[in-house]
mmCIF file of all heavy atoms, coordinates in Angstrom:
data_MODEL
# 
_entry.id   MODEL 
# 
loop_
_atom_site.group_PDB 
_atom_site.id 
_atom_site.type_symbol 
_atom_site.label_atom_id 
_atom_site.label_alt_id 
_atom_site.label_comp_id 
_atom_site.label_asym_id 
_atom_site.label_entity_id 
_atom_site.label_seq_id 
_atom_site.pdbx_PDB_ins_code 
_atom_site.Cartn_x 
_atom_site.Cartn_y 
_atom_site.Cartn_z 
_atom_site.occupancy 
_atom_site.B_iso_or_equiv 
_atom_site.pdbx_formal_charge 
_atom_site.auth_seq_id 
_atom_site.auth_comp_id 
_atom_site.auth_asym_id 
_atom_site.auth_atom_id 
_atom_site.pdbx_PDB_model_num 
ATOM 1   N N   . LEU A 1 1  ? 21.312 130.830 103.189 1.00 0.00 ? 1  LEU A N   1 
ATOM 2   C CA  . LEU A 1 1  ? 22.656 130.417 103.501 1.00 0.00 ? 1  LEU A CA  1 
ATOM 3   C C   . LEU A 1 1  ? 23.122 129.153 102.785 1.00 0.00 ? 1  LEU A C   1 
ATOM 4   O O   . LEU A 1 1  ? 24.186 128.636 103.024 1.00 0.00 ? 1  LEU A O   1 
ATOM 5   C CB  . LEU A 1 1  ? 22.742 130.165 105.089 1.00 0.00 ? 1  LEU A CB  1 
ATOM 6   C CG  . LEU A 1 1  ? 22.475 131.312 105.946 1.00 0.00 ? 1  LEU A CG  1 
ATOM 7   C CD1 . LEU A 1 1  ? 22.513 130.912 107.460 1.00 0.00 ? 1  LEU A CD1 1 
ATOM 8   C CD2 . LEU A 1 1  ? 23.515 132.429 105.713 1.00 0.00 ? 1  LEU A CD2 1 
ATOM 9   N N   . SER A 1 2  ? 22.246 128.641 101.880 1.00 0.00 ? 2  SER A N   1 
ATOM 10  C CA  . SER A 1 2  ? 22.528 127.437 101.187 1.00 0.00 ? 2  SER A CA  1 
ATOM 11  C C   . SER A 1 2  ? 23.772 127.562 100.367 1.00 0.00 ? 2  SER A C   1 
ATOM 12  O O   . SER A 1 2  ? 23.999 128.492 99.559  1.00 0.00 ? 2  SER A O   1 
ATOM 13  C CB  . SER A 1 2  ? 21.376 126.981 100.333 1.00 0.00 ? 2  SER A CB  1 
ATOM 14  O OG  . SER A 1 2  ? 20.260 126.612 101.079 1.00 0.00 ? 2  SER A OG  1 
ATOM 15  N N   . ALA A 1 3  ? 24.637 126.547 100.422 1.00 0.00 ? 3  ALA A N   1 
ATOM 16  C CA  . ALA A 1 3  ? 25.867 126.497 99.649  1.00 0.00 ? 3  ALA A CA  1 
ATOM 17  C C   . ALA A 1 3  ? 25.767 125.649 98.348  1.00 0.00 ? 3  ALA A C   1 
ATOM 18  O O   . ALA A 1 3  ? 26.675 125.729 97.523  1.00 0.00 ? 3  ALA A O   1 
ATOM 19  C CB  . ALA A 1 3  ? 27.031 125.989 100.483 1.00 0.00 ? 3  ALA A CB  1 
ATOM 20  N N   . SER A 1 4  ? 24.751 124.916 98.294  1.00 0.00 ? 4  SER A N   1 
ATOM 21  C CA  . SER A 1 4  ? 24.501 124.045 97.068  1.00 0.00 ? 4  SER A CA  1 
ATOM 22  C C   . SER A 1 4  ? 23.113 124.062 96.676  1.00 0.00 ? 4  SER A C   1 
ATOM 23  O O   . SER A 1 4  ? 22.221 124.299 97.481  1.00 0.00 ? 4  SER A O   1 
ATOM 24  C CB  . SER A 1 4  ? 24.997 122.598 97.343  1.00 0.00 ? 4  SER A CB  1 
ATOM 25  O OG  . SER A 1 4  ? 24.185 121.942 98.308  1.00 0.00 ? 4  SER A OG  1 
ATOM 26  N N   . ILE A 1 5  ? 22.778 123.720 95.448  1.00 0.00 ? 5  ILE A N   1 
ATOM 27  C CA  . ILE A 1 5  ? 21.433 123.703 94.966  1.00 0.00 ? 5  ILE A CA  1 
ATOM 28  C C   . ILE A 1 5  ? 20.730 122.535 95.575  1.00 0.00 ? 5  ILE A C   1 
ATOM 29  O O   . ILE A 1 5  ? 19.476 122.659 95.811  1.00 0.00 ? 5  ILE A O   1 
ATOM 30  C CB  . ILE A 1 5  ? 21.410 123.602 93.360  1.00 0.00 ? 5  ILE A CB  1 
ATOM 31  C CG1 . ILE A 1 5  ? 19.998 123.735 92.862  1.00 0.00 ? 5  ILE A CG1 1 
ATOM 32  C CG2 . ILE A 1 5  ? 21.991 122.261 92.944  1.00 0.00 ? 5  ILE A CG2 1 
ATOM 33  C CD1 . ILE A 1 5  ? 19.337 125.057 93.227  1.00 0.00 ? 5  ILE A CD1 1 
ATOM 34  N N   . GLU A 1 6  ? 21.377 121.449 95.906  1.00 0.00 ? 6  GLU A N   1 
ATOM 35  C CA  . GLU A 1 6  ? 20.701 120.315 96.552  1.00 0.00 ? 6  GLU A CA  1 
ATOM 36  C C   . GLU A 1 6  ? 20.160 120.715 97.881  1.00 0.00 ? 6  GLU A C   1 
ATOM 37  O O   . GLU A 1 6  ? 18.917 120.427 98.252  1.00 0.00 ? 6  GLU A O   1 
ATOM 38  C CB  . GLU A 1 6  ? 21.599 119.098 96.649  1.00 0.00 ? 6  GLU A CB  1 
ATOM 39  C CG  . GLU A 1 6  ? 21.977 118.478 95.366  1.00 0.00 ? 6  GLU A CG  1 
ATOM 40  C CD  . GLU A 1 6  ? 23.041 119.245 94.630  1.00 0.00 ? 6  GLU A CD  1 
ATOM 41  O OE1 . GLU A 1 6  ? 23.773 120.092 95.218  1.00 0.00 ? 6  GLU A OE1 1 
ATOM 42  O OE2 . GLU A 1 6  ? 23.265 118.946 93.421  1.00 0.00 ? 6  GLU A OE2 1 
ATOM 43  N N   . TRP A 1 7  ? 20.966 121.390 98.693  1.00 0.00 ? 7  TRP A N   1 
ATOM 44  C CA  . TRP A 1 7  ? 20.547 121.863 100.036 1.00 0.00 ? 7  TRP A CA  1 
ATOM 45  C C   . TRP A 1 7  ? 19.417 122.857 99.910  1.00 0.00 ? 7  TRP A C   1 
ATOM 46  O O   . TRP A 1 7  ? 18.497 122.925 100.712 1.00 0.00 ? 7  TRP A O   1 
ATOM 47  C CB  . TRP A 1 7  ? 21.690 122.367 100.830 1.00 0.00 ? 7  TRP A CB  1 
ATOM 48  C CG  . TRP A 1 7  ? 21.368 122.934 102.184 1.00 0.00 ? 7  TRP A CG  1 
ATOM 49  C CD1 . TRP A 1 7  ? 21.461 124.219 102.584 1.00 0.00 ? 7  TRP A CD1 1 
ATOM 50  C CD2 . TRP A 1 7  ? 20.889 122.179 103.281 1.00 0.00 ? 7  TRP A CD2 1 
ATOM 51  N NE1 . TRP A 1 7  ? 21.014 124.310 103.900 1.00 0.00 ? 7  TRP A NE1 1 
ATOM 52  C CE2 . TRP A 1 7  ? 20.660 123.070 104.364 1.00 0.00 ? 7  TRP A CE2 1 
ATOM 53  C CE3 . TRP A 1 7  ? 20.660 120.787 103.502 1.00 0.00 ? 7  TRP A CE3 1 
ATOM 54  C CZ2 . TRP A 1 7  ? 20.227 122.649 105.588 1.00 0.00 ? 7  TRP A CZ2 1 
ATOM 55  C CZ3 . TRP A 1 7  ? 20.170 120.341 104.719 1.00 0.00 ? 7  TRP A CZ3 1 
ATOM 56  C CH2 . TRP A 1 7  ? 19.977 121.292 105.762 1.00 0.00 ? 7  TRP A CH2 1 
ATOM 57  N N   . PHE A 1 8  ? 19.580 123.820 98.938  1.00 0.00 ? 8  PHE A N   1 
ATOM 58  C CA  . PHE A 1 8  ? 18.598 124.839 98.738  1.00 0.00 ? 8  PHE A CA  1 
ATOM 59  C C   . PHE A 1 8  ? 17.238 124.217 98.425  1.00 0.00 ? 8  PHE A C   1 
ATOM 60  O O   . PHE A 1 8  ? 16.186 124.643 98.996  1.00 0.00 ? 8  PHE A O   1 
ATOM 61  C CB  . PHE A 1 8  ? 19.045 125.738 97.561  1.00 0.00 ? 8  PHE A CB  1 
ATOM 62  C CG  . PHE A 1 8  ? 17.935 126.755 97.145  1.00 0.00 ? 8  PHE A CG  1 
ATOM 63  C CD1 . PHE A 1 8  ? 17.879 127.915 97.858  1.00 0.00 ? 8  PHE A CD1 1 
ATOM 64  C CD2 . PHE A 1 8  ? 17.080 126.493 96.095  1.00 0.00 ? 8  PHE A CD2 1 
ATOM 65  C CE1 . PHE A 1 8  ? 16.902 128.899 97.499  1.00 0.00 ? 8  PHE A CE1 1 
ATOM 66  C CE2 . PHE A 1 8  ? 16.090 127.408 95.730  1.00 0.00 ? 8  PHE A CE2 1 
ATOM 67  C CZ  . PHE A 1 8  ? 16.033 128.625 96.416  1.00 0.00 ? 8  PHE A CZ  1 
ATOM 68  N N   . ASN A 1 9  ? 17.218 123.236 97.568  1.00 0.00 ? 9  ASN A N   1 
ATOM 69  C CA  . ASN A 1 9  ? 15.932 122.561 97.181  1.00 0.00 ? 9  ASN A CA  1 
ATOM 70  C C   . ASN A 1 9  ? 15.255 121.838 98.403  1.00 0.00 ? 9  ASN A C   1 
ATOM 71  O O   . ASN A 1 9  ? 14.049 121.878 98.532  1.00 0.00 ? 9  ASN A O   1 
ATOM 72  C CB  . ASN A 1 9  ? 16.186 121.576 96.037  1.00 0.00 ? 9  ASN A CB  1 
ATOM 73  C CG  . ASN A 1 9  ? 16.465 122.269 94.719  1.00 0.00 ? 9  ASN A CG  1 
ATOM 74  O OD1 . ASN A 1 9  ? 16.190 123.437 94.589  1.00 0.00 ? 9  ASN A OD1 1 
ATOM 75  N ND2 . ASN A 1 9  ? 16.999 121.592 93.775  1.00 0.00 ? 9  ASN A ND2 1 
ATOM 76  N N   . ILE A 1 10 ? 16.093 121.198 99.271  1.00 0.00 ? 10 ILE A N   1 
ATOM 77  C CA  . ILE A 1 10 ? 15.557 120.613 100.491 1.00 0.00 ? 10 ILE A CA  1 
ATOM 78  C C   . ILE A 1 10 ? 14.875 121.685 101.360 1.00 0.00 ? 10 ILE A C   1 
ATOM 79  O O   . ILE A 1 10 ? 13.838 121.488 101.920 1.00 0.00 ? 10 ILE A O   1 
ATOM 80  C CB  . ILE A 1 10 ? 16.705 119.841 101.221 1.00 0.00 ? 10 ILE A CB  1 
ATOM 81  C CG1 . ILE A 1 10 ? 17.127 118.676 100.427 1.00 0.00 ? 10 ILE A CG1 1 
ATOM 82  C CG2 . ILE A 1 10 ? 16.168 119.446 102.617 1.00 0.00 ? 10 ILE A CG2 1 
ATOM 83  C CD1 . ILE A 1 10 ? 18.374 117.970 101.004 1.00 0.00 ? 10 ILE A CD1 1 
ATOM 84  N N   . CYS A 1 11 ? 15.628 122.829 101.517 1.00 0.00 ? 11 CYS A N   1 
ATOM 85  C CA  . CYS A 1 11 ? 15.132 123.936 102.335 1.00 0.00 ? 11 CYS A CA  1 
ATOM 86  C C   . CYS A 1 11 ? 13.841 124.491 101.750 1.00 0.00 ? 11 CYS A C   1 
ATOM 87  O O   . CYS A 1 11 ? 12.933 124.896 102.500 1.00 0.00 ? 11 CYS A O   1 
ATOM 88  C CB  . CYS A 1 11 ? 16.192 125.010 102.501 1.00 0.00 ? 11 CYS A CB  1 
ATOM 89  S SG  . CYS A 1 11 ? 17.614 124.511 103.387 1.00 0.00 ? 11 CYS A SG  1 
ATOM 90  N N   . ARG A 1 12 ? 13.737 124.521 100.435 1.00 0.00 ? 12 ARG A N   1 
ATOM 91  C CA  . ARG A 1 12 ? 12.558 125.031 99.761  1.00 0.00 ? 12 ARG A CA  1 
ATOM 92  C C   . ARG A 1 12 ? 11.348 124.143 100.086 1.00 0.00 ? 12 ARG A C   1 
ATOM 93  O O   . ARG A 1 12 ? 10.183 124.585 100.286 1.00 0.00 ? 12 ARG A O   1 
ATOM 94  C CB  . ARG A 1 12 ? 12.712 125.059 98.243  1.00 0.00 ? 12 ARG A CB  1 
ATOM 95  C CG  . ARG A 1 12 ? 13.506 126.249 97.753  1.00 0.00 ? 12 ARG A CG  1 
ATOM 96  C CD  . ARG A 1 12 ? 12.705 127.531 97.931  1.00 0.00 ? 12 ARG A CD  1 
ATOM 97  N NE  . ARG A 1 12 ? 11.692 127.598 96.797  1.00 0.00 ? 12 ARG A NE  1 
ATOM 98  C CZ  . ARG A 1 12 ? 10.778 128.502 96.765  1.00 0.00 ? 12 ARG A CZ  1 
ATOM 99  N NH1 . ARG A 1 12 ? 10.563 129.408 97.764  1.00 0.00 ? 12 ARG A NH1 1 
ATOM 100 N NH2 . ARG A 1 12 ? 9.866  128.590 95.754  1.00 0.00 ? 12 ARG A NH2 1 
ATOM 101 N N   . PHE A 1 13 ? 11.526 122.754 100.255 1.00 0.00 ? 13 PHE A N   1 
ATOM 102 C CA  . PHE A 1 13 ? 10.446 121.926 100.665 1.00 0.00 ? 13 PHE A CA  1 
ATOM 103 C C   . PHE A 1 13 ? 9.888  122.328 101.982 1.00 0.00 ? 13 PHE A C   1 
ATOM 104 O O   . PHE A 1 13 ? 8.712  122.459 102.168 1.00 0.00 ? 13 PHE A O   1 
ATOM 105 C CB  . PHE A 1 13 ? 10.887 120.479 100.657 1.00 0.00 ? 13 PHE A CB  1 
ATOM 106 C CG  . PHE A 1 13 ? 9.917  119.533 101.354 1.00 0.00 ? 13 PHE A CG  1 
ATOM 107 C CD1 . PHE A 1 13 ? 8.783  119.099 100.601 1.00 0.00 ? 13 PHE A CD1 1 
ATOM 108 C CD2 . PHE A 1 13 ? 10.064 119.124 102.609 1.00 0.00 ? 13 PHE A CD2 1 
ATOM 109 C CE1 . PHE A 1 13 ? 7.854  118.236 101.157 1.00 0.00 ? 13 PHE A CE1 1 
ATOM 110 C CE2 . PHE A 1 13 ? 9.071  118.312 103.192 1.00 0.00 ? 13 PHE A CE2 1 
ATOM 111 C CZ  . PHE A 1 13 ? 7.989  117.892 102.494 1.00 0.00 ? 13 PHE A CZ  1 
ATOM 112 N N   . PHE A 1 14 ? 10.830 122.567 102.893 1.00 0.00 ? 14 PHE A N   1 
ATOM 113 C CA  . PHE A 1 14 ? 10.360 122.940 104.295 1.00 0.00 ? 14 PHE A CA  1 
ATOM 114 C C   . PHE A 1 14 ? 9.807  124.359 104.349 1.00 0.00 ? 14 PHE A C   1 
ATOM 115 O O   . PHE A 1 14 ? 8.947  124.683 105.149 1.00 0.00 ? 14 PHE A O   1 
ATOM 116 C CB  . PHE A 1 14 ? 11.548 122.777 105.241 1.00 0.00 ? 14 PHE A CB  1 
ATOM 117 C CG  . PHE A 1 14 ? 11.774 121.347 105.604 1.00 0.00 ? 14 PHE A CG  1 
ATOM 118 C CD1 . PHE A 1 14 ? 12.888 120.698 105.008 1.00 0.00 ? 14 PHE A CD1 1 
ATOM 119 C CD2 . PHE A 1 14 ? 11.013 120.643 106.472 1.00 0.00 ? 14 PHE A CD2 1 
ATOM 120 C CE1 . PHE A 1 14 ? 13.168 119.387 105.311 1.00 0.00 ? 14 PHE A CE1 1 
ATOM 121 C CE2 . PHE A 1 14 ? 11.272 119.305 106.764 1.00 0.00 ? 14 PHE A CE2 1 
ATOM 122 C CZ  . PHE A 1 14 ? 12.311 118.665 106.174 1.00 0.00 ? 14 PHE A CZ  1 
ATOM 123 N N   . GLN A 1 15 ? 10.243 125.200 103.473 1.00 0.00 ? 15 GLN A N   1 
ATOM 124 C CA  . GLN A 1 15 ? 9.694  126.525 103.333 1.00 0.00 ? 15 GLN A CA  1 
ATOM 125 C C   . GLN A 1 15 ? 8.236  126.487 102.852 1.00 0.00 ? 15 GLN A C   1 
ATOM 126 O O   . GLN A 1 15 ? 7.402  127.142 103.385 1.00 0.00 ? 15 GLN A O   1 
ATOM 127 C CB  . GLN A 1 15 ? 10.590 127.402 102.416 1.00 0.00 ? 15 GLN A CB  1 
ATOM 128 C CG  . GLN A 1 15 ? 10.281 128.862 102.455 1.00 0.00 ? 15 GLN A CG  1 
ATOM 129 C CD  . GLN A 1 15 ? 10.997 129.665 101.423 1.00 0.00 ? 15 GLN A CD  1 
ATOM 130 O OE1 . GLN A 1 15 ? 11.239 129.252 100.299 1.00 0.00 ? 15 GLN A OE1 1 
ATOM 131 N NE2 . GLN A 1 15 ? 11.381 130.896 101.753 1.00 0.00 ? 15 GLN A NE2 1 
ATOM 132 N N   . GLY A 1 16 ? 8.024  125.616 101.824 1.00 0.00 ? 16 GLY A N   1 
ATOM 133 C CA  . GLY A 1 16 ? 6.675  125.443 101.319 1.00 0.00 ? 16 GLY A CA  1 
ATOM 134 C C   . GLY A 1 16 ? 5.801  124.761 102.441 1.00 0.00 ? 16 GLY A C   1 
ATOM 135 O O   . GLY A 1 16 ? 4.625  125.140 102.581 1.00 0.00 ? 16 GLY A O   1 
ATOM 136 N N   . LEU A 1 17 ? 6.340  123.781 103.129 1.00 0.00 ? 17 LEU A N   1 
ATOM 137 C CA  . LEU A 1 17 ? 5.610  123.072 104.136 1.00 0.00 ? 17 LEU A CA  1 
ATOM 138 C C   . LEU A 1 17 ? 5.104  124.044 105.242 1.00 0.00 ? 17 LEU A C   1 
ATOM 139 O O   . LEU A 1 17 ? 3.930  124.082 105.627 1.00 0.00 ? 17 LEU A O   1 
ATOM 140 C CB  . LEU A 1 17 ? 6.524  122.022 104.807 1.00 0.00 ? 17 LEU A CB  1 
ATOM 141 C CG  . LEU A 1 17 ? 5.907  121.026 105.758 1.00 0.00 ? 17 LEU A CG  1 
ATOM 142 C CD1 . LEU A 1 17 ? 5.123  120.018 105.060 1.00 0.00 ? 17 LEU A CD1 1 
ATOM 143 C CD2 . LEU A 1 17 ? 6.939  120.379 106.717 1.00 0.00 ? 17 LEU A CD2 1 
ATOM 144 N N   . ALA A 1 18 ? 6.012  124.991 105.637 1.00 0.00 ? 18 ALA A N   1 
ATOM 145 C CA  . ALA A 1 18 ? 5.616  125.946 106.656 1.00 0.00 ? 18 ALA A CA  1 
ATOM 146 C C   . ALA A 1 18 ? 4.631  127.011 106.036 1.00 0.00 ? 18 ALA A C   1 
ATOM 147 O O   . ALA A 1 18 ? 3.682  127.381 106.793 1.00 0.00 ? 18 ALA A O   1 
ATOM 148 C CB  . ALA A 1 18 ? 6.924  126.727 107.115 1.00 0.00 ? 18 ALA A CB  1 
ATOM 149 N N   . GLY A 1 19 ? 4.902  127.460 104.773 1.00 0.00 ? 19 GLY A N   1 
ATOM 150 C CA  . GLY A 1 19 ? 3.953  128.376 104.237 1.00 0.00 ? 19 GLY A CA  1 
ATOM 151 C C   . GLY A 1 19 ? 2.569  127.883 103.995 1.00 0.00 ? 19 GLY A C   1 
ATOM 152 O O   . GLY A 1 19 ? 1.584  128.640 103.940 1.00 0.00 ? 19 GLY A O   1 
ATOM 153 N N   . ALA A 1 20 ? 2.408  126.522 104.046 1.00 0.00 ? 20 ALA A N   1 
ATOM 154 C CA  . ALA A 1 20 ? 1.044  125.938 103.855 1.00 0.00 ? 20 ALA A CA  1 
ATOM 155 C C   . ALA A 1 20 ? 0.125  126.313 104.973 1.00 0.00 ? 20 ALA A C   1 
ATOM 156 O O   . ALA A 1 20 ? -1.123 126.296 104.828 1.00 0.00 ? 20 ALA A O   1 
ATOM 157 C CB  . ALA A 1 20 ? 1.184  124.422 103.736 1.00 0.00 ? 20 ALA A CB  1 
ATOM 158 N N   . GLY A 1 21 ? 0.731  126.580 106.165 1.00 0.00 ? 21 GLY A N   1 
ATOM 159 C CA  . GLY A 1 21 ? -0.060 126.959 107.272 1.00 0.00 ? 21 GLY A CA  1 
ATOM 160 C C   . GLY A 1 21 ? -0.938 128.254 106.977 1.00 0.00 ? 21 GLY A C   1 
ATOM 161 O O   . GLY A 1 21 ? -2.061 128.352 107.476 1.00 0.00 ? 21 GLY A O   1 
ATOM 162 N N   . GLY A 1 22 ? -0.357 129.115 106.230 1.00 0.00 ? 22 GLY A N   1 
ATOM 163 C CA  . GLY A 1 22 ? -1.098 130.346 105.845 1.00 0.00 ? 22 GLY A CA  1 
ATOM 164 C C   . GLY A 1 22 ? -2.318 130.062 104.994 1.00 0.00 ? 22 GLY A C   1 
ATOM 165 O O   . GLY A 1 22 ? -3.384 130.633 105.215 1.00 0.00 ? 22 GLY A O   1 
ATOM 166 N N   . VAL A 1 23 ? -2.166 129.095 104.061 1.00 0.00 ? 23 VAL A N   1 
ATOM 167 C CA  . VAL A 1 23 ? -3.302 128.827 103.199 1.00 0.00 ? 23 VAL A CA  1 
ATOM 168 C C   . VAL A 1 23 ? -4.449 128.120 103.913 1.00 0.00 ? 23 VAL A C   1 
ATOM 169 O O   . VAL A 1 23 ? -5.590 128.552 103.869 1.00 0.00 ? 23 VAL A O   1 
ATOM 170 C CB  . VAL A 1 23 ? -2.819 127.871 102.057 1.00 0.00 ? 23 VAL A CB  1 
ATOM 171 C CG1 . VAL A 1 23 ? -4.015 127.591 101.095 1.00 0.00 ? 23 VAL A CG1 1 
ATOM 172 C CG2 . VAL A 1 23 ? -1.690 128.513 101.257 1.00 0.00 ? 23 VAL A CG2 1 
ATOM 173 N N   . VAL A 1 24 ? -4.042 127.019 104.648 1.00 0.00 ? 24 VAL A N   1 
ATOM 174 C CA  . VAL A 1 24 ? -5.102 126.275 105.275 1.00 0.00 ? 24 VAL A CA  1 
ATOM 175 C C   . VAL A 1 24 ? -5.719 126.947 106.496 1.00 0.00 ? 24 VAL A C   1 
ATOM 176 O O   . VAL A 1 24 ? -6.958 126.833 106.680 1.00 0.00 ? 24 VAL A O   1 
ATOM 177 C CB  . VAL A 1 24 ? -4.503 124.861 105.659 1.00 0.00 ? 24 VAL A CB  1 
ATOM 178 C CG1 . VAL A 1 24 ? -3.515 125.020 106.780 1.00 0.00 ? 24 VAL A CG1 1 
ATOM 179 C CG2 . VAL A 1 24 ? -5.553 123.884 106.039 1.00 0.00 ? 24 VAL A CG2 1 
ATOM 180 N N   . LEU A 1 25 ? -4.940 127.674 107.226 1.00 0.00 ? 25 LEU A N   1 
ATOM 181 C CA  . LEU A 1 25 ? -5.507 128.260 108.433 1.00 0.00 ? 25 LEU A CA  1 
ATOM 182 C C   . LEU A 1 25 ? -6.264 129.539 108.096 1.00 0.00 ? 25 LEU A C   1 
ATOM 183 O O   . LEU A 1 25 ? -7.200 129.944 108.953 1.00 0.00 ? 25 LEU A O   1 
ATOM 184 C CB  . LEU A 1 25 ? -4.397 128.516 109.463 1.00 0.00 ? 25 LEU A CB  1 
ATOM 185 C CG  . LEU A 1 25 ? -3.839 127.217 110.008 1.00 0.00 ? 25 LEU A CG  1 
ATOM 186 C CD1 . LEU A 1 25 ? -2.526 127.478 110.838 1.00 0.00 ? 25 LEU A CD1 1 
ATOM 187 C CD2 . LEU A 1 25 ? -4.885 126.554 110.951 1.00 0.00 ? 25 LEU A CD2 1 
# 
């Protein structure tokens, strides 16, 4: 739903943060 690249990049950080659970766990 991102309307700008800046917002998209912020959301990508949190997407990676959440995805890290899969690697570590």
